[in-house]
N, C-alpha and C. Protein backbone atom coordinates (compact mmCIF):
# COMPACT_ATOMS: atom_id res chain seq x y z
N MET A 1 110.10 106.83 99.39
CA MET A 1 109.87 106.68 100.47
C MET A 1 111.47 107.73 100.85
N GLU A 2 112.71 107.58 101.03
CA GLU A 2 113.47 108.40 101.05
C GLU A 2 113.66 109.47 100.56
N THR A 3 112.89 111.28 100.67
CA THR A 3 113.45 112.34 100.02
C THR A 3 114.00 113.19 101.15
N GLN A 4 114.75 113.80 100.49
CA GLN A 4 115.66 115.26 100.93
C GLN A 4 115.31 115.66 101.60
N ASP A 5 114.38 116.22 100.81
CA ASP A 5 113.70 118.11 100.58
C ASP A 5 112.34 117.89 101.13
N SER A 6 111.62 116.72 101.03
CA SER A 6 110.48 116.57 101.25
C SER A 6 109.59 116.64 102.87
N ALA A 7 108.61 117.13 103.47
CA ALA A 7 108.05 116.54 104.25
C ALA A 7 107.59 115.04 104.73
N PRO A 8 107.54 114.01 106.06
CA PRO A 8 106.99 112.74 105.35
C PRO A 8 105.59 113.05 104.87
N TYR A 9 105.13 111.97 104.43
CA TYR A 9 103.77 111.78 103.99
C TYR A 9 103.32 110.87 104.58
N ALA A 10 103.60 109.44 104.90
CA ALA A 10 102.91 108.83 105.55
C ALA A 10 103.92 107.98 106.27
N ILE A 11 103.60 107.28 107.05
CA ILE A 11 104.09 106.08 107.77
C ILE A 11 103.74 104.76 108.19
N LEU A 12 104.36 104.16 107.66
CA LEU A 12 103.43 102.49 107.56
C LEU A 12 104.93 101.70 108.43
N GLY A 13 104.61 101.26 109.07
CA GLY A 13 105.45 100.68 110.25
C GLY A 13 107.07 101.34 110.55
N ASP A 14 107.59 100.85 110.04
CA ASP A 14 109.07 101.92 110.02
C ASP A 14 109.59 101.96 108.72
N VAL A 15 108.62 102.20 107.56
CA VAL A 15 108.48 102.87 106.10
C VAL A 15 108.07 104.31 106.54
N LEU A 16 109.27 105.16 106.22
CA LEU A 16 108.87 106.81 105.82
C LEU A 16 108.78 106.75 104.77
N PHE A 17 107.44 107.25 104.11
CA PHE A 17 106.84 107.75 102.86
C PHE A 17 107.08 109.36 103.03
N ARG A 18 108.02 109.39 101.85
CA ARG A 18 108.59 111.38 101.75
C ARG A 18 108.40 111.33 100.64
N CYS A 19 107.10 112.15 100.26
CA CYS A 19 106.91 112.68 98.56
C CYS A 19 106.96 113.54 98.28
N LEU A 20 106.68 113.80 97.12
CA LEU A 20 107.21 115.53 96.59
C LEU A 20 105.51 115.89 96.71
N MET A 21 104.63 115.09 95.97
CA MET A 21 103.32 115.39 96.24
C MET A 21 102.06 114.43 96.42
N GLY A 22 102.69 112.99 97.04
CA GLY A 22 101.89 112.38 97.67
C GLY A 22 102.04 110.89 96.93
N TRP A 23 101.01 109.75 97.22
CA TRP A 23 100.89 109.07 96.45
C TRP A 23 100.21 109.39 94.78
N GLU A 24 100.63 107.85 93.93
CA GLU A 24 100.25 108.74 92.66
C GLU A 24 98.69 108.00 92.27
N HIS A 25 98.23 107.34 93.17
CA HIS A 25 96.89 106.56 93.53
C HIS A 25 96.68 105.71 94.88
N PHE A 26 95.85 106.26 95.47
CA PHE A 26 95.05 105.59 96.59
C PHE A 26 93.86 105.08 96.60
N GLU A 27 94.05 103.63 96.47
CA GLU A 27 92.65 103.08 96.55
C GLU A 27 92.03 102.49 97.53
N ALA A 28 91.01 102.43 98.45
CA ALA A 28 90.66 101.52 99.26
C ALA A 28 89.56 101.10 99.18
N THR A 29 89.11 99.26 99.28
CA THR A 29 88.06 98.72 99.08
C THR A 29 87.90 97.76 100.18
N ARG A 30 86.32 98.29 100.73
CA ARG A 30 85.61 97.54 101.44
C ARG A 30 84.97 96.61 101.20
N ALA A 31 83.96 95.43 101.80
CA ALA A 31 83.21 94.84 101.35
C ALA A 31 82.63 94.12 102.51
N ALA A 32 81.16 93.76 102.44
CA ALA A 32 80.32 93.10 103.44
C ALA A 32 80.40 91.29 103.09
N ASN A 33 80.44 90.64 103.69
CA ASN A 33 80.53 88.98 103.66
C ASN A 33 79.25 88.24 103.29
N TYR A 34 78.90 87.66 102.74
CA TYR A 34 77.44 86.99 102.51
C TYR A 34 77.23 85.60 102.52
N ALA A 35 76.69 84.86 103.64
CA ALA A 35 76.15 83.31 103.13
C ALA A 35 75.28 83.28 102.46
N GLU A 36 75.25 82.38 101.33
CA GLU A 36 74.27 82.01 100.57
C GLU A 36 73.71 80.46 100.57
N HIS A 37 71.94 80.74 101.47
CA HIS A 37 71.62 79.54 101.61
C HIS A 37 70.84 79.44 100.24
N ALA A 38 70.54 78.12 100.06
CA ALA A 38 69.53 77.09 98.87
C ALA A 38 68.47 77.43 99.82
N VAL A 39 66.97 77.51 98.50
CA VAL A 39 65.73 76.99 99.19
C VAL A 39 64.84 76.45 98.23
N ILE A 40 63.85 75.71 98.78
CA ILE A 40 63.11 74.95 97.72
C ILE A 40 62.06 75.92 97.04
N GLU A 41 62.22 76.16 95.74
CA GLU A 41 61.63 76.40 94.65
C GLU A 41 61.72 77.88 94.55
N GLY A 42 62.66 78.37 94.99
CA GLY A 42 62.70 79.64 95.33
C GLY A 42 64.07 80.03 95.10
N LYS A 43 64.70 81.27 94.85
CA LYS A 43 65.76 81.54 94.80
C LYS A 43 66.37 81.58 96.53
N PRO A 44 67.70 82.20 96.06
CA PRO A 44 68.41 81.77 97.73
C PRO A 44 68.48 82.72 98.26
N ARG A 45 68.12 82.75 99.69
CA ARG A 45 68.39 84.11 100.60
C ARG A 45 69.81 84.39 100.77
N LEU A 46 69.95 85.24 101.05
CA LEU A 46 71.60 85.51 101.85
C LEU A 46 71.16 86.04 102.71
N GLN A 47 72.48 85.93 103.66
CA GLN A 47 72.65 86.18 105.34
C GLN A 47 73.82 86.88 105.76
N TRP A 48 73.76 87.91 105.90
CA TRP A 48 74.87 88.66 106.32
C TRP A 48 76.21 88.08 107.39
N THR A 49 77.13 88.15 107.11
CA THR A 49 78.09 87.06 107.80
C THR A 49 79.44 87.55 108.68
N GLY A 50 79.45 88.85 108.14
CA GLY A 50 80.31 90.02 108.69
C GLY A 50 81.15 91.04 107.74
N ASP A 51 81.64 91.97 108.10
CA ASP A 51 82.53 92.62 106.98
C ASP A 51 83.36 92.28 106.80
N GLY A 52 84.21 92.35 105.60
CA GLY A 52 85.28 91.96 105.17
C GLY A 52 86.55 92.99 105.50
N LEU A 53 87.57 92.38 105.11
CA LEU A 53 88.94 93.38 105.54
C LEU A 53 88.98 94.54 104.67
N GLU A 54 89.38 95.15 104.84
CA GLU A 54 89.56 96.43 103.88
C GLU A 54 91.17 96.18 103.36
N THR A 55 91.41 96.54 102.08
CA THR A 55 92.09 96.28 101.14
C THR A 55 93.00 98.07 100.56
N LEU A 56 93.69 97.86 100.79
CA LEU A 56 94.63 99.28 100.29
C LEU A 56 95.45 99.08 98.88
N ASN A 57 95.12 99.55 97.45
CA ASN A 57 95.83 99.74 96.48
C ASN A 57 96.47 100.92 96.71
N ILE A 58 98.11 101.06 96.83
CA ILE A 58 98.89 102.13 96.16
C ILE A 58 99.95 102.08 95.18
N VAL A 59 99.83 103.18 94.51
CA VAL A 59 100.60 103.41 93.48
C VAL A 59 101.36 104.71 93.75
N MET A 60 102.78 104.54 93.82
CA MET A 60 104.09 105.23 93.59
C MET A 60 104.86 105.59 93.01
N GLY A 61 106.01 106.39 92.79
CA GLY A 61 106.96 106.67 91.97
C GLY A 61 108.32 107.37 92.73
N PHE A 62 109.07 106.18 92.48
CA PHE A 62 110.40 106.32 93.24
C PHE A 62 111.06 107.35 91.76
N HIS A 63 111.94 107.73 91.97
CA HIS A 63 112.53 108.61 91.18
C HIS A 63 114.31 109.14 91.53
N VAL A 64 115.05 109.00 91.08
CA VAL A 64 116.76 109.66 91.57
C VAL A 64 116.51 110.77 92.38
N LEU A 65 115.84 111.53 91.89
CA LEU A 65 115.89 113.19 92.46
C LEU A 65 115.46 113.63 93.85
N TYR A 66 114.31 112.16 94.23
CA TYR A 66 114.14 112.34 95.31
C TYR A 66 114.50 111.33 96.56
N CYS A 67 114.93 109.68 95.56
CA CYS A 67 115.05 108.64 96.57
C CYS A 67 115.92 107.82 95.80
N ASP A 68 116.59 106.21 96.64
CA ASP A 68 117.28 105.90 95.94
C ASP A 68 115.86 104.73 95.65
N PRO A 69 115.88 104.65 93.95
CA PRO A 69 114.59 103.90 94.23
C PRO A 69 114.76 102.28 94.48
N ASP A 70 116.26 101.86 94.10
CA ASP A 70 116.22 100.30 94.57
C ASP A 70 116.61 99.81 96.14
N PHE A 71 116.92 101.03 96.55
CA PHE A 71 117.12 101.09 98.48
C PHE A 71 115.73 100.85 98.39
N ALA A 72 114.96 101.84 98.54
CA ALA A 72 113.31 102.06 98.31
C ALA A 72 112.74 100.90 98.43
N MET A 73 113.05 100.26 97.13
CA MET A 73 112.25 98.82 96.90
C MET A 73 112.64 97.69 98.00
N ARG A 74 114.01 97.88 97.99
CA ARG A 74 114.50 96.91 98.91
C ARG A 74 113.56 96.97 100.34
N HIS A 75 113.41 97.57 100.57
CA HIS A 75 113.41 98.10 101.86
C HIS A 75 111.77 97.74 102.01
N LEU A 76 111.08 97.78 100.94
CA LEU A 76 109.54 97.43 100.93
C LEU A 76 109.47 96.02 100.62
N ARG A 77 110.57 95.13 100.10
CA ARG A 77 110.53 93.81 99.90
C ARG A 77 110.39 93.05 101.10
N ARG A 78 111.54 93.72 102.22
CA ARG A 78 112.13 93.16 103.70
C ARG A 78 110.69 93.10 104.51
N ARG A 79 110.14 94.30 104.16
CA ARG A 79 108.75 94.17 104.75
C ARG A 79 107.56 93.19 104.57
N LEU A 80 107.62 93.27 103.24
CA LEU A 80 106.42 91.70 102.69
C LEU A 80 106.94 90.44 103.13
N ALA A 81 108.34 90.37 103.15
CA ALA A 81 108.61 89.08 103.89
C ALA A 81 109.03 88.87 105.16
N ASP A 82 108.71 89.92 105.54
CA ASP A 82 108.27 89.92 107.39
C ASP A 82 107.32 89.66 107.78
N HIS A 83 105.83 89.37 106.96
CA HIS A 83 104.75 89.04 107.30
C HIS A 83 104.19 89.63 108.91
N LYS A 84 104.45 91.27 109.09
CA LYS A 84 104.01 91.61 109.70
C LYS A 84 102.81 92.87 110.29
N ALA A 85 101.98 92.98 110.69
CA ALA A 85 101.25 94.06 110.54
C ALA A 85 101.76 95.34 111.28
N MET A 86 101.65 96.48 110.30
CA MET A 86 101.92 97.49 110.63
C MET A 86 101.37 98.70 110.50
N ALA A 87 101.39 99.75 111.36
CA ALA A 87 100.51 100.77 111.70
C ALA A 87 101.02 101.74 110.32
N LEU A 88 99.46 102.21 110.34
CA LEU A 88 99.60 103.18 108.63
C LEU A 88 99.34 104.76 109.31
N VAL A 89 100.03 105.71 109.28
CA VAL A 89 99.58 106.93 109.87
C VAL A 89 99.71 108.27 108.58
N LEU A 90 98.76 108.87 108.35
CA LEU A 90 99.37 109.76 107.65
C LEU A 90 99.40 111.50 107.98
N VAL A 91 100.50 111.72 107.13
CA VAL A 91 101.15 112.80 107.42
C VAL A 91 99.86 114.29 108.46
N ASN A 92 98.84 113.95 108.10
CA ASN A 92 97.77 115.09 109.14
C ASN A 92 97.47 114.60 110.37
N GLY A 93 98.12 112.71 110.83
CA GLY A 93 97.77 112.28 111.97
C GLY A 93 96.88 111.25 111.97
N PHE A 94 96.17 111.35 111.02
CA PHE A 94 94.88 110.30 110.85
C PHE A 94 95.76 108.67 110.67
N TYR A 95 95.56 108.01 112.10
CA TYR A 95 95.68 106.80 111.93
C TYR A 95 94.76 105.84 111.10
N ARG A 96 95.36 105.53 110.20
CA ARG A 96 94.14 104.44 109.48
C ARG A 96 94.07 103.35 109.90
N GLY A 97 94.74 102.66 110.43
CA GLY A 97 94.35 101.43 110.74
C GLY A 97 96.11 100.47 110.92
N ARG A 98 96.34 98.93 110.59
CA ARG A 98 97.17 98.19 111.00
C ARG A 98 96.89 97.51 109.55
N TYR A 99 98.04 97.33 108.89
CA TYR A 99 98.03 96.30 107.49
C TYR A 99 98.77 95.72 107.42
N VAL A 100 98.67 94.61 106.66
CA VAL A 100 99.84 93.97 106.44
C VAL A 100 100.69 93.90 105.21
N LEU A 101 100.94 93.60 104.25
CA LEU A 101 101.77 94.16 102.97
C LEU A 101 101.45 93.29 102.28
N THR A 102 100.64 92.68 101.41
CA THR A 102 100.55 91.45 100.89
C THR A 102 100.77 91.22 99.03
N GLU A 103 101.11 92.64 98.39
CA GLU A 103 101.83 92.31 97.20
C GLU A 103 102.60 93.57 96.91
N LEU A 104 103.74 92.84 95.97
CA LEU A 104 104.44 94.46 95.67
C LEU A 104 104.42 94.27 94.37
N SER A 105 104.22 95.33 93.29
CA SER A 105 104.77 95.20 92.09
C SER A 105 105.61 96.52 91.56
N GLU A 106 106.44 95.74 90.85
CA GLU A 106 107.55 97.31 90.28
C GLU A 106 107.63 97.22 88.93
N GLY A 107 107.76 98.50 88.48
CA GLY A 107 108.09 98.72 86.83
C GLY A 107 109.03 99.68 86.94
N ILE A 108 110.13 98.79 86.23
CA ILE A 108 111.24 100.06 86.16
C ILE A 108 110.72 101.06 85.05
N ARG A 109 111.22 102.02 85.00
CA ARG A 109 110.32 103.12 83.98
C ARG A 109 111.93 103.57 82.98
N HIS A 110 112.77 104.40 83.51
CA HIS A 110 114.07 104.27 83.03
C HIS A 110 115.16 104.08 84.03
N THR A 111 116.25 103.95 82.95
CA THR A 111 117.83 103.74 83.79
C THR A 111 118.72 104.68 83.14
N ASP A 112 119.60 104.60 83.88
CA ASP A 112 120.79 105.26 83.23
C ASP A 112 121.86 104.46 82.08
N PRO A 113 122.56 104.80 81.18
CA PRO A 113 123.25 103.42 80.24
C PRO A 113 124.01 102.26 81.18
N GLN A 114 124.63 102.66 82.60
CA GLN A 114 124.83 101.58 83.33
C GLN A 114 123.91 100.40 83.86
N GLY A 115 122.51 100.77 83.53
CA GLY A 115 121.39 99.76 83.95
C GLY A 115 121.18 100.31 85.48
N ASN A 116 121.57 101.67 85.98
CA ASN A 116 120.89 102.30 87.61
C ASN A 116 119.51 102.66 87.16
N THR A 117 119.17 102.78 88.02
CA THR A 117 117.42 102.86 88.25
C THR A 117 117.17 104.40 88.54
N ILE A 118 116.61 104.77 87.42
CA ILE A 118 116.28 106.20 87.51
C ILE A 118 114.86 106.84 87.94
N ALA A 119 114.02 105.72 87.41
CA ALA A 119 112.56 106.08 88.22
C ALA A 119 111.63 104.68 87.98
N MET A 120 111.26 104.21 88.51
CA MET A 120 110.49 103.11 89.05
C MET A 120 108.90 103.78 89.26
N GLU A 121 107.79 102.79 89.17
CA GLU A 121 106.83 103.14 89.57
C GLU A 121 106.22 101.42 90.61
N VAL A 122 105.93 101.79 91.74
CA VAL A 122 105.53 100.69 92.73
C VAL A 122 103.95 100.49 93.20
N ARG A 123 103.85 99.32 92.76
CA ARG A 123 102.01 99.08 93.46
C ARG A 123 102.33 98.46 94.45
N ALA A 124 101.80 98.49 95.29
CA ALA A 124 101.55 97.97 96.57
C ALA A 124 100.31 97.25 97.39
N THR A 125 99.76 96.48 97.69
CA THR A 125 98.88 95.78 98.20
C THR A 125 98.49 95.64 99.52
N LEU A 126 98.05 96.96 100.57
CA LEU A 126 97.81 95.81 101.74
C LEU A 126 96.21 95.73 102.13
N LYS A 127 96.55 94.81 103.18
CA LYS A 127 95.22 94.25 104.06
C LYS A 127 94.77 94.64 104.95
N GLU A 128 93.77 95.01 105.69
CA GLU A 128 93.66 95.34 107.07
C GLU A 128 93.90 94.13 108.07
N TRP A 129 94.87 94.78 108.64
CA TRP A 129 94.91 93.45 110.32
C TRP A 129 94.15 93.76 111.12
N VAL A 130 93.40 92.57 111.49
CA VAL A 130 92.44 92.85 113.06
C VAL A 130 93.06 91.65 113.89
N GLY A 131 93.56 92.33 115.03
CA GLY A 131 94.31 91.50 115.68
C GLY A 131 94.98 92.73 116.48
N THR A 132 95.90 92.06 117.56
CA THR A 132 96.91 92.38 118.45
C THR A 132 98.06 92.85 117.84
N ALA A 133 98.56 94.11 118.68
CA ALA A 133 100.09 94.35 117.87
C ALA A 133 100.91 93.51 117.86
N ALA A 134 100.74 92.61 118.85
CA ALA A 134 102.36 91.48 119.25
C ALA A 134 101.78 90.39 118.94
N ALA A 135 101.31 90.15 117.90
CA ALA A 135 101.02 88.66 117.06
C ALA A 135 102.07 87.91 116.80
N SER A 136 101.88 86.49 117.46
CA SER A 136 103.01 85.77 116.55
C SER A 136 103.02 85.14 115.35
N ASP A 137 103.98 84.59 114.82
CA ASP A 137 104.18 83.97 113.73
C ASP A 137 103.22 83.71 112.88
N THR A 138 102.17 83.13 114.01
CA THR A 138 100.79 81.79 113.24
C THR A 138 99.34 82.89 112.88
N GLY A 139 100.09 84.08 113.42
CA GLY A 139 98.89 85.01 113.72
C GLY A 139 97.82 85.11 114.75
N VAL A 140 96.81 85.68 114.84
CA VAL A 140 96.20 85.99 116.09
C VAL A 140 95.14 85.00 116.00
N ALA A 141 94.89 84.54 114.98
CA ALA A 141 93.30 83.31 113.98
C ALA A 141 93.64 82.15 115.10
N ILE A 142 94.45 82.02 115.36
CA ILE A 142 94.78 80.38 115.71
C ILE A 142 95.88 80.45 116.85
N SER A 143 95.33 80.18 118.21
CA SER A 143 95.88 80.16 119.53
C SER A 143 97.09 78.79 119.63
N THR A 144 97.83 78.86 119.50
CA THR A 144 98.67 77.66 119.74
C THR A 144 98.72 76.50 120.90
N ASN A 145 97.33 76.79 122.13
CA ASN A 145 97.55 76.14 123.07
C ASN A 145 98.77 75.66 123.36
N GLY A 146 99.89 76.35 123.69
CA GLY A 146 101.08 75.73 124.59
C GLY A 146 102.16 75.46 123.09
N ALA A 147 102.45 74.07 122.82
CA ALA A 147 103.13 74.23 122.21
C ALA A 147 102.90 73.38 120.78
N SER A 148 101.38 72.96 120.91
CA SER A 148 100.68 72.41 119.80
C SER A 148 100.41 73.80 118.74
N LEU A 149 100.64 73.52 117.56
CA LEU A 149 100.15 74.21 116.39
C LEU A 149 98.60 73.79 116.21
N CYS A 150 98.43 73.00 116.56
CA CYS A 150 96.57 72.66 116.30
C CYS A 150 95.50 73.10 117.31
N GLY A 151 95.76 74.51 117.47
CA GLY A 151 95.01 75.36 118.63
C GLY A 151 93.77 75.39 118.24
N SER A 152 93.46 76.19 119.13
CA SER A 152 91.97 76.25 118.79
C SER A 152 91.92 77.82 118.12
N VAL A 153 90.70 78.01 117.32
CA VAL A 153 90.26 79.40 116.92
C VAL A 153 89.55 80.51 117.84
N LYS A 154 90.35 81.57 118.29
CA LYS A 154 90.21 82.74 118.75
C LYS A 154 89.19 83.69 118.54
N SER A 155 88.40 84.32 119.40
CA SER A 155 87.60 85.23 118.50
C SER A 155 88.09 86.57 118.53
C-alpha cells in the first residue's frame, strides 16, 4: 500500500498500491455459464446463458520497510466493509474495470518483541462489477421502484 520510495503500481478506488516489485501473485479467472437441460433417453444438453463475472485473486506482501502493515490492512478492511465498486487501474494506464472487494485474508509473518507487525501476507479477492458507477446500496440489479425494496430486475 503506502510506500515512500517506490512509484505507484496500481490504484483500486482510493487505495494506492505502491510496491517495490508489484504483487506477489495476480490471478484472473473468467467463466461461461451454462444451463443443463435433461432430455429423454440421452445425455443432457447444455445451453450457454451468459458470461460469468471475472474474479481476481491477489497476494501482496506488506513490510515495515515500505509501509505500515497494520494501517494498510485497516484501510483494506474499510473498503471491504464499504461494499462499493472501485475502478482498478494499473500503473501502465490499463483500466482493468470496476471490482468489489469480496474477501480479505491476512497472515502475520513477523512481529517485533512488542507484538508490532513487521511483515504480513495479504490475500484479496475481487469480483467484477457490472453496473453504473453511482449504484445504490442495494446495487444495480434491483430497482427500488420508489420507496419499495421489492423492485423490478433491471437489465
